[in-house]
Amino acid sequence: MAKLDKDERRDIAHEFKSVVNMTSAALSSWLKTDESQAVGMTDEGGKVTGSEEHEAVGHKMGRRILSLQATKATDLSDDDFAAMRKVIGYVHRHIKQRPHGDVTDTRWRKSLMNWGHDPLK
């Protein structure tokens, strides 16, 4: 990834804050639940269906988001900004796949919440 200039960093940080609509406290609490740990896909491409299985990519990213939220903007690295871009892209793609009806208790919503976005907010 090419070195980001100040404006690119600002734009990415702004969009990241826009799509990550869960507070650090809410995300941290969510990631500790069995529901959070029982959705998503593994690094190997398998579907996670239980908290006793391998950790989902989104769950790992949720922990990374907490780290990003706790880091001062001036201390963020290019790797951090790459992770932020990944979150932005995932949330935008996933929102377009919203299922019909009540999404309150769907894998779709739970997966998005692992990525820091609660579509019901």
PDB file of N, CA and C in Angstrom:
ATOM      1  N   MET A   1       0.842  -1.171   0.000  1.00  0.00           N
ATOM      2  CA  MET A   1       0.000   0.000   0.000  1.00  0.00           C
ATOM      3  C   MET A   1       0.890   1.238   0.000  1.00  0.00           C
ATOM      4  N   ALA A   2       0.572   2.196  -0.851  1.00  0.00           N
ATOM      5  CA  ALA A   2       1.338   3.427  -0.938  1.00  0.00           C
ATOM      6  C   ALA A   2       1.152   4.254   0.328  1.00  0.00           C
ATOM      7  N   LYS A   3       2.133   5.068   0.624  1.00  0.00           N
ATOM      8  CA  LYS A   3       2.077   5.952   1.793  1.00  0.00           C
ATOM      9  C   LYS A   3       0.887   6.889   1.644  1.00  0.00           C
ATOM     10  N   LEU A   4       0.098   6.997   2.703  1.00  0.00           N
ATOM     11  CA  LEU A   4      -1.089   7.851   2.683  1.00  0.00           C
ATOM     12  C   LEU A   4      -0.730   9.277   3.059  1.00  0.00           C
ATOM     13  N   ASP A   5      -1.345  10.221   2.361  1.00  0.00           N
ATOM     14  CA  ASP A   5      -1.119  11.609   2.756  1.00  0.00           C
ATOM     15  C   ASP A   5      -2.128  12.005   3.840  1.00  0.00           C
ATOM     16  N   LYS A   6      -1.961  13.178   4.361  1.00  0.00           N
ATOM     17  CA  LYS A   6      -2.774  13.668   5.480  1.00  0.00           C
ATOM     18  C   LYS A   6      -4.266  13.672   5.145  1.00  0.00           C
ATOM     19  N   ASP A   7      -4.609  14.105   3.933  1.00  0.00           N
ATOM     20  CA  ASP A   7      -6.018  14.170   3.524  1.00  0.00           C
ATOM     21  C   ASP A   7      -6.632  12.772   3.412  1.00  0.00           C
ATOM     22  N   GLU A   8      -5.876  11.816   2.868  1.00  0.00           N
ATOM     23  CA  GLU A   8      -6.371  10.444   2.757  1.00  0.00           C
ATOM     24  C   GLU A   8      -6.603   9.838   4.146  1.00  0.00           C
ATOM     25  N   ARG A   9      -5.686  10.081   5.044  1.00  0.00           N
ATOM     26  CA  ARG A   9      -5.825   9.587   6.417  1.00  0.00           C
ATOM     27  C   ARG A   9      -7.082  10.186   7.065  1.00  0.00           C
ATOM     28  N   ARG A  10      -7.273  11.474   6.884  1.00  0.00           N
ATOM     29  CA  ARG A  10      -8.440  12.152   7.456  1.00  0.00           C
ATOM     30  C   ARG A  10      -9.730  11.572   6.888  1.00  0.00           C
ATOM     31  N   ASP A  11      -9.777  11.371   5.574  1.00  0.00           N
ATOM     32  CA  ASP A  11     -10.984  10.841   4.930  1.00  0.00           C
ATOM     33  C   ASP A  11     -11.295   9.419   5.399  1.00  0.00           C
ATOM     34  N   ILE A  12     -10.275   8.587   5.493  1.00  0.00           N
ATOM     35  CA  ILE A  12     -10.474   7.209   5.949  1.00  0.00           C
ATOM     36  C   ILE A  12     -10.964   7.212   7.398  1.00  0.00           C
ATOM     37  N   ALA A  13     -10.325   8.008   8.244  1.00  0.00           N
ATOM     38  CA  ALA A  13     -10.724   8.074   9.659  1.00  0.00           C
ATOM     39  C   ALA A  13     -12.167   8.556   9.790  1.00  0.00           C
ATOM     40  N   HIS A  14     -12.544   9.526   8.995  1.00  0.00           N
ATOM     41  CA  HIS A  14     -13.923  10.046   9.043  1.00  0.00           C
ATOM     42  C   HIS A  14     -14.927   8.973   8.624  1.00  0.00           C
ATOM     43  N   GLU A  15     -14.654   8.269   7.537  1.00  0.00           N
ATOM     44  CA  GLU A  15     -15.561   7.222   7.058  1.00  0.00           C
ATOM     45  C   GLU A  15     -15.607   6.057   8.045  1.00  0.00           C
ATOM     46  N   PHE A  16     -14.474   5.716   8.625  1.00  0.00           N
ATOM     47  CA  PHE A  16     -14.416   4.647   9.625  1.00  0.00           C
ATOM     48  C   PHE A  16     -15.325   4.985  10.804  1.00  0.00           C
ATOM     49  N   LYS A  17     -15.224   6.206  11.290  1.00  0.00           N
ATOM     50  CA  LYS A  17     -16.066   6.631  12.418  1.00  0.00           C
ATOM     51  C   LYS A  17     -17.538   6.640  12.032  1.00  0.00           C
ATOM     52  N   SER A  18     -17.823   6.847  10.767  1.00  0.00           N
ATOM     53  CA  SER A  18     -19.201   6.846  10.288  1.00  0.00           C
ATOM     54  C   SER A  18     -19.780   5.435  10.250  1.00  0.00           C
ATOM     55  N   VAL A  19     -19.017   4.454   9.781  1.00  0.00           N
ATOM     56  CA  VAL A  19     -19.549   3.090   9.659  1.00  0.00           C
ATOM     57  C   VAL A  19     -19.476   2.309  10.971  1.00  0.00           C
ATOM     58  N   VAL A  20     -18.505   2.609  11.808  1.00  0.00           N
ATOM     59  CA  VAL A  20     -18.408   1.949  13.114  1.00  0.00           C
ATOM     60  C   VAL A  20     -19.279   2.760  14.069  1.00  0.00           C
ATOM     61  N   ASN A  21     -20.528   2.331  14.183  1.00  0.00           N
ATOM     62  CA  ASN A  21     -21.481   3.107  14.970  1.00  0.00           C
ATOM     63  C   ASN A  21     -21.690   2.557  16.383  1.00  0.00           C
ATOM     64  N   MET A  22     -20.897   1.582  16.762  1.00  0.00           N
ATOM     65  CA  MET A  22     -20.960   1.042  18.126  1.00  0.00           C
ATOM     66  C   MET A  22     -19.832   1.667  18.948  1.00  0.00           C
ATOM     67  N   THR A  23     -20.150   2.020  20.186  1.00  0.00           N
ATOM     68  CA  THR A  23     -19.114   2.541  21.074  1.00  0.00           C
ATOM     69  C   THR A  23     -18.146   1.421  21.426  1.00  0.00           C
ATOM     70  N   SER A  24     -16.992   1.798  21.920  1.00  0.00           N
ATOM     71  CA  SER A  24     -16.019   0.790  22.361  1.00  0.00           C
ATOM     72  C   SER A  24     -16.624  -0.107  23.430  1.00  0.00           C
ATOM     73  N   ALA A  25     -17.363   0.478  24.366  1.00  0.00           N
ATOM     74  CA  ALA A  25     -17.969  -0.312  25.443  1.00  0.00           C
ATOM     75  C   ALA A  25     -18.994  -1.293  24.890  1.00  0.00           C
ATOM     76  N   ALA A  26     -19.832  -0.827  23.969  1.00  0.00           N
ATOM     77  CA  ALA A  26     -20.858  -1.708  23.389  1.00  0.00           C
ATOM     78  C   ALA A  26     -20.215  -2.823  22.567  1.00  0.00           C
ATOM     79  N   LEU A  27     -19.208  -2.488  21.771  1.00  0.00           N
ATOM     80  CA  LEU A  27     -18.531  -3.492  20.956  1.00  0.00           C
ATOM     81  C   LEU A  27     -17.801  -4.500  21.841  1.00  0.00           C
ATOM     82  N   SER A  28     -17.127  -4.023  22.858  1.00  0.00           N
ATOM     83  CA  SER A  28     -16.411  -4.913  23.766  1.00  0.00           C
ATOM     84  C   SER A  28     -17.374  -5.890  24.441  1.00  0.00           C
ATOM     85  N   SER A  29     -18.493  -5.390  24.912  1.00  0.00           N
ATOM     86  CA  SER A  29     -19.500  -6.264  25.537  1.00  0.00           C
ATOM     87  C   SER A  29     -20.039  -7.277  24.543  1.00  0.00           C
ATOM     88  N   TRP A  30     -20.344  -6.820  23.329  1.00  0.00           N
ATOM     89  CA  TRP A  30     -20.883  -7.693  22.291  1.00  0.00           C
ATOM     90  C   TRP A  30     -19.912  -8.819  21.958  1.00  0.00           C
ATOM     91  N   LEU A  31     -18.632  -8.490  21.803  1.00  0.00           N
ATOM     92  CA  LEU A  31     -17.642  -9.491  21.402  1.00  0.00           C
ATOM     93  C   LEU A  31     -17.467 -10.604  22.440  1.00  0.00           C
ATOM     94  N   LYS A  32     -17.875 -10.365  23.666  1.00  0.00           N
ATOM     95  CA  LYS A  32     -17.769 -11.372  24.730  1.00  0.00           C
ATOM     96  C   LYS A  32     -18.938 -12.359  24.722  1.00  0.00           C
ATOM     97  N   THR A  33     -19.963 -12.087  23.942  1.00  0.00           N
ATOM     98  CA  THR A  33     -21.145 -12.952  23.949  1.00  0.00           C
ATOM     99  C   THR A  33     -20.945 -14.186  23.080  1.00  0.00           C
ATOM    100  N   ASP A  34     -21.692 -15.247  23.425  1.00  0.00           N
ATOM    101  CA  ASP A  34     -21.675 -16.451  22.607  1.00  0.00           C
ATOM    102  C   ASP A  34     -22.204 -16.163  21.208  1.00  0.00           C
ATOM    103  N   GLU A  35     -23.208 -15.289  21.123  1.00  0.00           N
ATOM    104  CA  GLU A  35     -23.788 -14.945  19.812  1.00  0.00           C
ATOM    105  C   GLU A  35     -22.734 -14.353  18.891  1.00  0.00           C
ATOM    106  N   SER A  36     -21.908 -13.461  19.418  1.00  0.00           N
ATOM    107  CA  SER A  36     -20.857 -12.834  18.621  1.00  0.00           C
ATOM    108  C   SER A  36     -19.850 -13.856  18.119  1.00  0.00           C
ATOM    109  N   GLN A  37     -19.534 -14.809  18.969  1.00  0.00           N
ATOM    110  CA  GLN A  37     -18.511 -15.791  18.643  1.00  0.00           C
ATOM    111  C   GLN A  37     -19.031 -16.941  17.781  1.00  0.00           C
ATOM    112  N   ALA A  38     -20.336 -16.926  17.490  1.00  0.00           N
ATOM    113  CA  ALA A  38     -20.942 -18.033  16.743  1.00  0.00           C
ATOM    114  C   ALA A  38     -21.392 -17.636  15.338  1.00  0.00           C
ATOM    115  N   VAL A  39     -20.866 -16.535  14.807  1.00  0.00           N
ATOM    116  CA  VAL A  39     -21.222 -16.124  13.445  1.00  0.00           C
ATOM    117  C   VAL A  39     -19.969 -15.751  12.663  1.00  0.00           C
ATOM    118  N   GLY A  40     -20.086 -15.788  11.345  1.00  0.00           N
ATOM    119  CA  GLY A  40     -19.005 -15.360  10.468  1.00  0.00           C
ATOM    120  C   GLY A  40     -18.298 -16.518   9.803  1.00  0.00           C
ATOM    121  N   MET A  41     -17.180 -16.182   9.191  1.00  0.00           N
ATOM    122  CA  MET A  41     -16.373 -17.150   8.462  1.00  0.00           C
ATOM    123  C   MET A  41     -14.966 -17.177   9.063  1.00  0.00           C
ATOM    124  N   THR A  42     -14.340 -18.343   9.020  1.00  0.00           N
ATOM    125  CA  THR A  42     -12.965 -18.473   9.500  1.00  0.00           C
ATOM    126  C   THR A  42     -11.996 -17.996   8.421  1.00  0.00           C
ATOM    127  N   ASP A  43     -10.738 -17.853   8.807  1.00  0.00           N
ATOM    128  CA  ASP A  43      -9.697 -17.498   7.830  1.00  0.00           C
ATOM    129  C   ASP A  43      -9.617 -18.527   6.710  1.00  0.00           C
ATOM    130  N   GLU A  44      -9.976 -19.768   7.030  1.00  0.00           N
ATOM    131  CA  GLU A  44      -9.919 -20.856   6.050  1.00  0.00           C
ATOM    132  C   GLU A  44     -11.162 -20.904   5.166  1.00  0.00           C
ATOM    133  N   GLY A  45     -12.157 -20.069   5.449  1.00  0.00           N
ATOM    134  CA  GLY A  45     -13.367 -20.028   4.631  1.00  0.00           C
ATOM    135  C   GLY A  45     -14.526 -20.841   5.147  1.00  0.00           C
ATOM    136  N   GLY A  46     -14.373 -21.457   6.313  1.00  0.00           N
ATOM    137  CA  GLY A  46     -15.465 -22.233   6.895  1.00  0.00           C
ATOM    138  C   GLY A  46     -16.451 -21.352   7.641  1.00  0.00           C
ATOM    139  N   LYS A  47     -17.677 -21.799   7.689  1.00  0.00           N
ATOM    140  CA  LYS A  47     -18.734 -21.057   8.377  1.00  0.00           C
ATOM    141  C   LYS A  47     -18.680 -21.366   9.870  1.00  0.00           C
ATOM    142  N   VAL A  48     -18.645 -20.323  10.698  1.00  0.00           N
ATOM    143  CA  VAL A  48     -18.658 -20.494  12.148  1.00  0.00           C
ATOM    144  C   VAL A  48     -20.114 -20.619  12.588  1.00  0.00           C
ATOM    145  N   THR A  49     -20.410 -21.679  13.328  1.00  0.00           N
ATOM    146  CA  THR A  49     -21.779 -21.883  13.797  1.00  0.00           C
ATOM    147  C   THR A  49     -21.849 -22.062  15.308  1.00  0.00           C
ATOM    148  N   GLY A  50     -20.716 -22.022  15.977  1.00  0.00           N
ATOM    149  CA  GLY A  50     -20.703 -22.173  17.428  1.00  0.00           C
ATOM    150  C   GLY A  50     -19.488 -21.507  18.029  1.00  0.00           C
ATOM    151  N   SER A  51     -19.620 -21.058  19.274  1.00  0.00           N
ATOM    152  CA  SER A  51     -18.529 -20.333  19.919  1.00  0.00           C
ATOM    153  C   SER A  51     -17.319 -21.216  20.220  1.00  0.00           C
ATOM    154  N   GLU A  52     -17.489 -22.527  20.169  1.00  0.00           N
ATOM    155  CA  GLU A  52     -16.374 -23.427  20.450  1.00  0.00           C
ATOM    156  C   GLU A  52     -15.500 -23.665  19.209  1.00  0.00           C
ATOM    157  N   GLU A  53     -15.910 -23.159  18.077  1.00  0.00           N
ATOM    158  CA  GLU A  53     -15.149 -23.341  16.834  1.00  0.00           C
ATOM    159  C   GLU A  53     -14.051 -22.277  16.713  1.00  0.00           C
ATOM    160  N   HIS A  54     -13.365 -22.291  15.576  1.00  0.00           N
ATOM    161  CA  HIS A  54     -12.333 -21.299  15.307  1.00  0.00           C
ATOM    162  C   HIS A  54     -12.926 -19.897  15.314  1.00  0.00           C
ATOM    163  N   GLU A  55     -12.101 -18.919  15.647  1.00  0.00           N
ATOM    164  CA  GLU A  55     -12.566 -17.532  15.683  1.00  0.00           C
ATOM    165  C   GLU A  55     -12.832 -17.020  14.269  1.00  0.00           C
ATOM    166  N   ALA A  56     -13.954 -16.336  14.107  1.00  0.00           N
ATOM    167  CA  ALA A  56     -14.327 -15.766  12.818  1.00  0.00           C
ATOM    168  C   ALA A  56     -13.468 -14.542  12.503  1.00  0.00           C
ATOM    169  N   VAL A  57     -13.304 -14.290  11.223  1.00  0.00           N
ATOM    170  CA  VAL A  57     -12.551 -13.127  10.752  1.00  0.00           C
ATOM    171  C   VAL A  57     -13.144 -11.845  11.338  1.00  0.00           C
ATOM    172  N   GLY A  58     -14.472 -11.742  11.320  1.00  0.00           N
ATOM    173  CA  GLY A  58     -15.129 -10.544  11.839  1.00  0.00           C
ATOM    174  C   GLY A  58     -14.919 -10.352  13.326  1.00  0.00           C
ATOM    175  N   HIS A  59     -14.884 -11.451  14.072  1.00  0.00           N
ATOM    176  CA  HIS A  59     -14.648 -11.351  15.518  1.00  0.00           C
ATOM    177  C   HIS A  59     -13.243 -10.822  15.780  1.00  0.00           C
ATOM    178  N   LYS A  60     -12.268 -11.316  15.022  1.00  0.00           N
ATOM    179  CA  LYS A  60     -10.892 -10.809  15.135  1.00  0.00           C
ATOM    180  C   LYS A  60     -10.860  -9.323  14.791  1.00  0.00           C
ATOM    181  N   MET A  61     -11.582  -8.952  13.729  1.00  0.00           N
ATOM    182  CA  MET A  61     -11.593  -7.549  13.323  1.00  0.00           C
ATOM    183  C   MET A  61     -12.261  -6.691  14.396  1.00  0.00           C
ATOM    184  N   GLY A  62     -13.264  -7.228  15.064  1.00  0.00           N
ATOM    185  CA  GLY A  62     -13.890  -6.482  16.154  1.00  0.00           C
ATOM    186  C   GLY A  62     -12.874  -6.131  17.232  1.00  0.00           C
ATOM    187  N   ARG A  63     -12.004  -7.085  17.560  1.00  0.00           N
ATOM    188  CA  ARG A  63     -10.947  -6.801  18.542  1.00  0.00           C
ATOM    189  C   ARG A  63      -9.972  -5.758  18.007  1.00  0.00           C
ATOM    190  N   ARG A  64      -9.704  -5.817  16.722  1.00  0.00           N
ATOM    191  CA  ARG A  64      -8.811  -4.813  16.101  1.00  0.00           C
ATOM    192  C   ARG A  64      -9.461  -3.432  16.114  1.00  0.00           C
ATOM    193  N   ILE A  65     -10.762  -3.381  15.867  1.00  0.00           N
ATOM    194  CA  ILE A  65     -11.486  -2.111  15.906  1.00  0.00           C
ATOM    195  C   ILE A  65     -11.365  -1.482  17.294  1.00  0.00           C
ATOM    196  N   LEU A  66     -11.486  -2.292  18.336  1.00  0.00           N
ATOM    197  CA  LEU A  66     -11.326  -1.760  19.693  1.00  0.00           C
ATOM    198  C   LEU A  66      -9.951  -1.132  19.875  1.00  0.00           C
ATOM    199  N   SER A  67      -8.942  -1.776  19.327  1.00  0.00           N
ATOM    200  CA  SER A  67      -7.588  -1.237  19.397  1.00  0.00           C
ATOM    201  C   SER A  67      -7.479   0.075  18.619  1.00  0.00           C
ATOM    202  N   LEU A  68      -8.084   0.113  17.441  1.00  0.00           N
ATOM    203  CA  LEU A  68      -8.059   1.330  16.624  1.00  0.00           C
ATOM    204  C   LEU A  68      -8.774   2.475  17.338  1.00  0.00           C
ATOM    205  N   GLN A  69      -9.906   2.174  17.957  1.00  0.00           N
ATOM    206  CA  GLN A  69     -10.660   3.204  18.664  1.00  0.00           C
ATOM    207  C   GLN A  69      -9.873   3.758  19.856  1.00  0.00           C
ATOM    208  N   ALA A  70      -9.004   2.940  20.423  1.00  0.00           N
ATOM    209  CA  ALA A  70      -8.238   3.351  21.604  1.00  0.00           C
ATOM    210  C   ALA A  70      -6.930   4.070  21.254  1.00  0.00           C
ATOM    211  N   THR A  71      -6.606   4.122  19.974  1.00  0.00           N
ATOM    212  CA  THR A  71      -5.342   4.711  19.532  1.00  0.00           C
ATOM    213  C   THR A  71      -5.547   6.145  19.071  1.00  0.00           C
ATOM    214  N   LYS A  72      -4.667   7.020  19.506  1.00  0.00           N
ATOM    215  CA  LYS A  72      -4.723   8.417  19.057  1.00  0.00           C
ATOM    216  C   LYS A  72      -4.519   8.455  17.540  1.00  0.00           C
ATOM    217  N   ALA A  73      -5.247   9.340  16.886  1.00  0.00           N
ATOM    218  CA  ALA A  73      -5.190   9.447  15.418  1.00  0.00           C
ATOM    219  C   ALA A  73      -3.757   9.642  14.925  1.00  0.00           C
ATOM    220  N   THR A  74      -2.977  10.411  15.641  1.00  0.00           N
ATOM    221  CA  THR A  74      -1.596  10.679  15.217  1.00  0.00           C
ATOM    222  C   THR A  74      -0.692   9.460  15.359  1.00  0.00           C
ATOM    223  N   ASP A  75      -1.138   8.463  16.120  1.00  0.00           N
ATOM    224  CA  ASP A  75      -0.331   7.258  16.330  1.00  0.00           C
ATOM    225  C   ASP A  75      -0.731   6.099  15.422  1.00  0.00           C
ATOM    226  N   LEU A  76      -1.733   6.298  14.573  1.00  0.00           N
ATOM    227  CA  LEU A  76      -2.190   5.241  13.674  1.00  0.00           C
ATOM    228  C   LEU A  76      -1.185   5.032  12.537  1.00  0.00           C
ATOM    229  N   SER A  77      -0.905   3.777  12.234  1.00  0.00           N
ATOM    230  CA  SER A  77       0.035   3.436  11.167  1.00  0.00           C
ATOM    231  C   SER A  77      -0.705   3.230   9.845  1.00  0.00           C
ATOM    232  N   ASP A  78       0.055   3.097   8.766  1.00  0.00           N
ATOM    233  CA  ASP A  78      -0.555   2.793   7.472  1.00  0.00           C
ATOM    234  C   ASP A  78      -1.283   1.450   7.526  1.00  0.00           C
ATOM    235  N   ASP A  79      -0.752   0.497   8.292  1.00  0.00           N
ATOM    236  CA  ASP A  79      -1.411  -0.794   8.472  1.00  0.00           C
ATOM    237  C   ASP A  79      -2.764  -0.610   9.180  1.00  0.00           C
ATOM    238  N   ASP A  80      -2.807   0.289  10.145  1.00  0.00           N
ATOM    239  CA  ASP A  80      -4.072   0.596  10.822  1.00  0.00           C
ATOM    240  C   ASP A  80      -5.086   1.171   9.833  1.00  0.00           C
ATOM    241  N   PHE A  81      -4.623   2.056   8.976  1.00  0.00           N
ATOM    242  CA  PHE A  81      -5.529   2.644   7.985  1.00  0.00           C
ATOM    243  C   PHE A  81      -5.992   1.611   6.971  1.00  0.00           C
ATOM    244  N   ALA A  82      -5.141   0.647   6.656  1.00  0.00           N
ATOM    245  CA  ALA A  82      -5.558  -0.451   5.766  1.00  0.00           C
ATOM    246  C   ALA A  82      -6.663  -1.266   6.435  1.00  0.00           C
ATOM    247  N   ALA A  83      -6.538  -1.518   7.730  1.00  0.00           N
ATOM    248  CA  ALA A  83      -7.586  -2.240   8.463  1.00  0.00           C
ATOM    249  C   ALA A  83      -8.877  -1.421   8.479  1.00  0.00           C
ATOM    250  N   MET A  84      -8.757  -0.131   8.655  1.00  0.00           N
ATOM    251  CA  MET A  84      -9.936   0.734   8.653  1.00  0.00           C
ATOM    252  C   MET A  84     -10.641   0.677   7.297  1.00  0.00           C
ATOM    253  N   ARG A  85      -9.861   0.679   6.227  1.00  0.00           N
ATOM    254  CA  ARG A  85     -10.449   0.560   4.885  1.00  0.00           C
ATOM    255  C   ARG A  85     -11.175  -0.774   4.719  1.00  0.00           C
ATOM    256  N   LYS A  86     -10.602  -1.824   5.276  1.00  0.00           N
ATOM    257  CA  LYS A  86     -11.225  -3.145   5.198  1.00  0.00           C
ATOM    258  C   LYS A  86     -12.576  -3.121   5.906  1.00  0.00           C
ATOM    259  N   VAL A  87     -12.636  -2.506   7.070  1.00  0.00           N
ATOM    260  CA  VAL A  87     -13.896  -2.390   7.816  1.00  0.00           C
ATOM    261  C   VAL A  87     -14.914  -1.602   7.001  1.00  0.00           C
ATOM    262  N   ILE A  88     -14.509  -0.491   6.459  1.00  0.00           N
ATOM    263  CA  ILE A  88     -15.397   0.355   5.648  1.00  0.00           C
ATOM    264  C   ILE A  88     -15.971  -0.453   4.488  1.00  0.00           C
ATOM    265  N   GLY A  89     -15.111  -1.149   3.758  1.00  0.00           N
ATOM    266  CA  GLY A  89     -15.559  -1.942   2.616  1.00  0.00           C
ATOM    267  C   GLY A  89     -16.511  -3.052   3.021  1.00  0.00           C
ATOM    268  N   TYR A  90     -16.182  -3.751   4.099  1.00  0.00           N
ATOM    269  CA  TYR A  90     -17.041  -4.842   4.555  1.00  0.00           C
ATOM    270  C   TYR A  90     -18.428  -4.324   4.920  1.00  0.00           C
ATOM    271  N   VAL A  91     -18.469  -3.267   5.721  1.00  0.00           N
ATOM    272  CA  VAL A  91     -19.767  -2.737   6.166  1.00  0.00           C
ATOM    273  C   VAL A  91     -20.590  -2.282   4.970  1.00  0.00           C
ATOM    274  N   HIS A  92     -19.989  -1.560   4.046  1.00  0.00           N
ATOM    275  CA  HIS A  92     -20.741  -1.097   2.866  1.00  0.00           C
ATOM    276  C   HIS A  92     -21.261  -2.273   2.033  1.00  0.00           C
ATOM    277  N   ARG A  93     -20.449  -3.299   1.823  1.00  0.00           N
ATOM    278  CA  ARG A  93     -20.889  -4.466   1.047  1.00  0.00           C
ATOM    279  C   ARG A  93     -21.989  -5.229   1.777  1.00  0.00           C
ATOM    280  N   HIS A  94     -21.802  -5.427   3.066  1.00  0.00           N
ATOM    281  CA  HIS A  94     -22.738  -6.233   3.850  1.00  0.00           C
ATOM    282  C   HIS A  94     -24.104  -5.551   3.989  1.00  0.00           C
ATOM    283  N   ILE A  95     -24.117  -4.251   4.122  1.00  0.00           N
ATOM    284  CA  ILE A  95     -25.383  -3.512   4.245  1.00  0.00           C
ATOM    285  C   ILE A  95     -26.256  -3.741   3.007  1.00  0.00           C
ATOM    286  N   LYS A  96     -25.632  -3.851   1.852  1.00  0.00           N
ATOM    287  CA  LYS A  96     -26.375  -4.068   0.607  1.00  0.00           C
ATOM    288  C   LYS A  96     -27.033  -5.446   0.558  1.00  0.00           C
ATOM    289  N   GLN A  97     -26.632  -6.356   1.437  1.00  0.00           N
ATOM    290  CA  GLN A  97     -27.174  -7.715   1.459  1.00  0.00           C
ATOM    291  C   GLN A  97     -28.242  -7.886   2.543  1.00  0.00           C
ATOM    292  N   ARG A  98     -28.800  -6.790   3.030  1.00  0.00           N
ATOM    293  CA  ARG A  98     -29.784  -6.846   4.113  1.00  0.00           C
ATOM    294  C   ARG A  98     -30.941  -7.773   3.753  1.00  0.00           C
ATOM    295  N   PRO A  99     -31.226  -8.733   4.627  1.00  0.00           N
ATOM    296  CA  PRO A  99     -32.363  -9.624   4.367  1.00  0.00           C
ATOM    297  C   PRO A  99     -33.687  -8.895   4.608  1.00  0.00           C
ATOM    298  N   HIS A 100     -34.752  -9.445   4.060  1.00  0.00           N
ATOM    299  CA  HIS A 100     -36.082  -8.867   4.251  1.00  0.00           C
ATOM    300  C   HIS A 100     -36.580  -9.183   5.656  1.00  0.00           C
ATOM    301  N   GLY A 101     -37.459  -8.342   6.133  1.00  0.00           N
ATOM    302  CA  GLY A 101     -38.093  -8.599   7.426  1.00  0.00           C
ATOM    303  C   GLY A 101     -37.278  -8.093   8.601  1.00  0.00           C
ATOM    304  N   ASP A 102     -37.640  -8.586   9.764  1.00  0.00           N
ATOM    305  CA  ASP A 102     -36.998  -8.197  11.012  1.00  0.00           C
ATOM    306  C   ASP A 102     -35.599  -8.813  11.077  1.00  0.00           C
ATOM    307  N   VAL A 103     -34.595  -7.973  11.207  1.00  0.00           N
ATOM    308  CA  VAL A 103     -33.208  -8.452  11.210  1.00  0.00           C
ATOM    309  C   VAL A 103     -32.615  -8.530  12.617  1.00  0.00           C
ATOM    310  N   THR A 104     -33.418  -8.281  13.620  1.00  0.00           N
ATOM    311  CA  THR A 104     -32.925  -8.198  14.998  1.00  0.00           C
ATOM    312  C   THR A 104     -32.070  -9.392  15.397  1.00  0.00           C
ATOM    313  N   ASP A 105     -32.528 -10.595  15.123  1.00  0.00           N
ATOM    314  CA  ASP A 105     -31.829 -11.794  15.580  1.00  0.00           C
ATOM    315  C   ASP A 105     -31.241 -12.601  14.424  1.00  0.00           C
ATOM    316  N   THR A 106     -30.730 -11.915  13.413  1.00  0.00           N
ATOM    317  CA  THR A 106     -30.183 -12.602  12.244  1.00  0.00           C
ATOM    318  C   THR A 106     -28.661 -12.700  12.304  1.00  0.00           C
ATOM    319  N   ARG A 107     -28.134 -13.716  11.634  1.00  0.00           N
ATOM    320  CA  ARG A 107     -26.675 -13.844  11.502  1.00  0.00           C
ATOM    321  C   ARG A 107     -26.115 -12.614  10.792  1.00  0.00           C
ATOM    322  N   TRP A 108     -26.886 -12.063   9.874  1.00  0.00           N
ATOM    323  CA  TRP A 108     -26.456 -10.883   9.117  1.00  0.00           C
ATOM    324  C   TRP A 108     -26.140  -9.730  10.072  1.00  0.00           C
ATOM    325  N   ARG A 109     -27.071  -9.428  10.969  1.00  0.00           N
ATOM    326  CA  ARG A 109     -26.859  -8.332  11.924  1.00  0.00           C
ATOM    327  C   ARG A 109     -25.709  -8.659  12.875  1.00  0.00           C
ATOM    328  N   LYS A 110     -25.688  -9.871  13.381  1.00  0.00           N
ATOM    329  CA  LYS A 110     -24.652 -10.254  14.340  1.00  0.00           C
ATOM    330  C   LYS A 110     -23.258 -10.170  13.711  1.00  0.00           C
ATOM    331  N   SER A 111     -23.158 -10.555  12.459  1.00  0.00           N
ATOM    332  CA  SER A 111     -21.881 -10.463  11.757  1.00  0.00           C
ATOM    333  C   SER A 111     -21.461  -8.999  11.611  1.00  0.00           C
ATOM    334  N   LEU A 112     -22.399  -8.159  11.219  1.00  0.00           N
ATOM    335  CA  LEU A 112     -22.093  -6.726  11.099  1.00  0.00           C
ATOM    336  C   LEU A 112     -21.665  -6.139  12.442  1.00  0.00           C
ATOM    337  N   MET A 113     -22.310  -6.566  13.494  1.00  0.00           N
ATOM    338  CA  MET A 113     -21.953  -6.051  14.815  1.00  0.00           C
ATOM    339  C   MET A 113     -20.534  -6.449  15.202  1.00  0.00           C
ATOM    340  N   ASN A 114     -20.068  -7.611  14.766  1.00  0.00           N
ATOM    341  CA  ASN A 114     -18.672  -7.984  15.009  1.00  0.00           C
ATOM    342  C   ASN A 114     -17.724  -6.991  14.358  1.00  0.00           C
ATOM    343  N   TRP A 115     -18.162  -6.362  13.285  1.00  0.00           N
ATOM    344  CA  TRP A 115     -17.372  -5.383  12.564  1.00  0.00           C
ATOM    345  C   TRP A 115     -17.663  -3.968  13.060  1.00  0.00           C
ATOM    346  N   GLY A 116     -18.369  -3.858  14.200  1.00  0.00           N
ATOM    347  CA  GLY A 116     -18.584  -2.550  14.819  1.00  0.00           C
ATOM    348  C   GLY A 116     -19.773  -1.767  14.323  1.00  0.00           C
ATOM    349  N   HIS A 117     -20.609  -2.395  13.488  1.00  0.00           N
ATOM    350  CA  HIS A 117     -21.757  -1.687  12.925  1.00  0.00           C
ATOM    351  C   HIS A 117     -23.052  -2.393  13.322  1.00  0.00           C
ATOM    352  N   ASP A 118     -23.915  -1.682  14.047  1.00  0.00           N
ATOM    353  CA  ASP A 118     -25.237  -2.219  14.379  1.00  0.00           C
ATOM    354  C   ASP A 118     -26.236  -1.575  13.432  1.00  0.00           C
ATOM    355  N   PRO A 119     -26.778  -2.355  12.494  1.00  0.00           N
ATOM    356  CA  PRO A 119     -27.701  -1.777  11.502  1.00  0.00           C
ATOM    357  C   PRO A 119     -29.029  -1.299  12.095  1.00  0.00           C
ATOM    358  N   LEU A 120     -29.284  -1.613  13.348  1.00  0.00           N
ATOM    359  CA  LEU A 120     -30.518  -1.146  13.978  1.00  0.00           C
ATOM    360  C   LEU A 120     -30.336   0.207  14.673  1.00  0.00           C
ATOM    361  N   LYS A 121     -29.135   0.747  14.637  1.00  0.00           N
ATOM    362  CA  LYS A 121     -28.895   2.068  15.237  1.00  0.00           C
ATOM    363  C   LYS A 121     -29.221   3.159  14.248  1.00  0.00           C
TER     364      LYS A 121
END
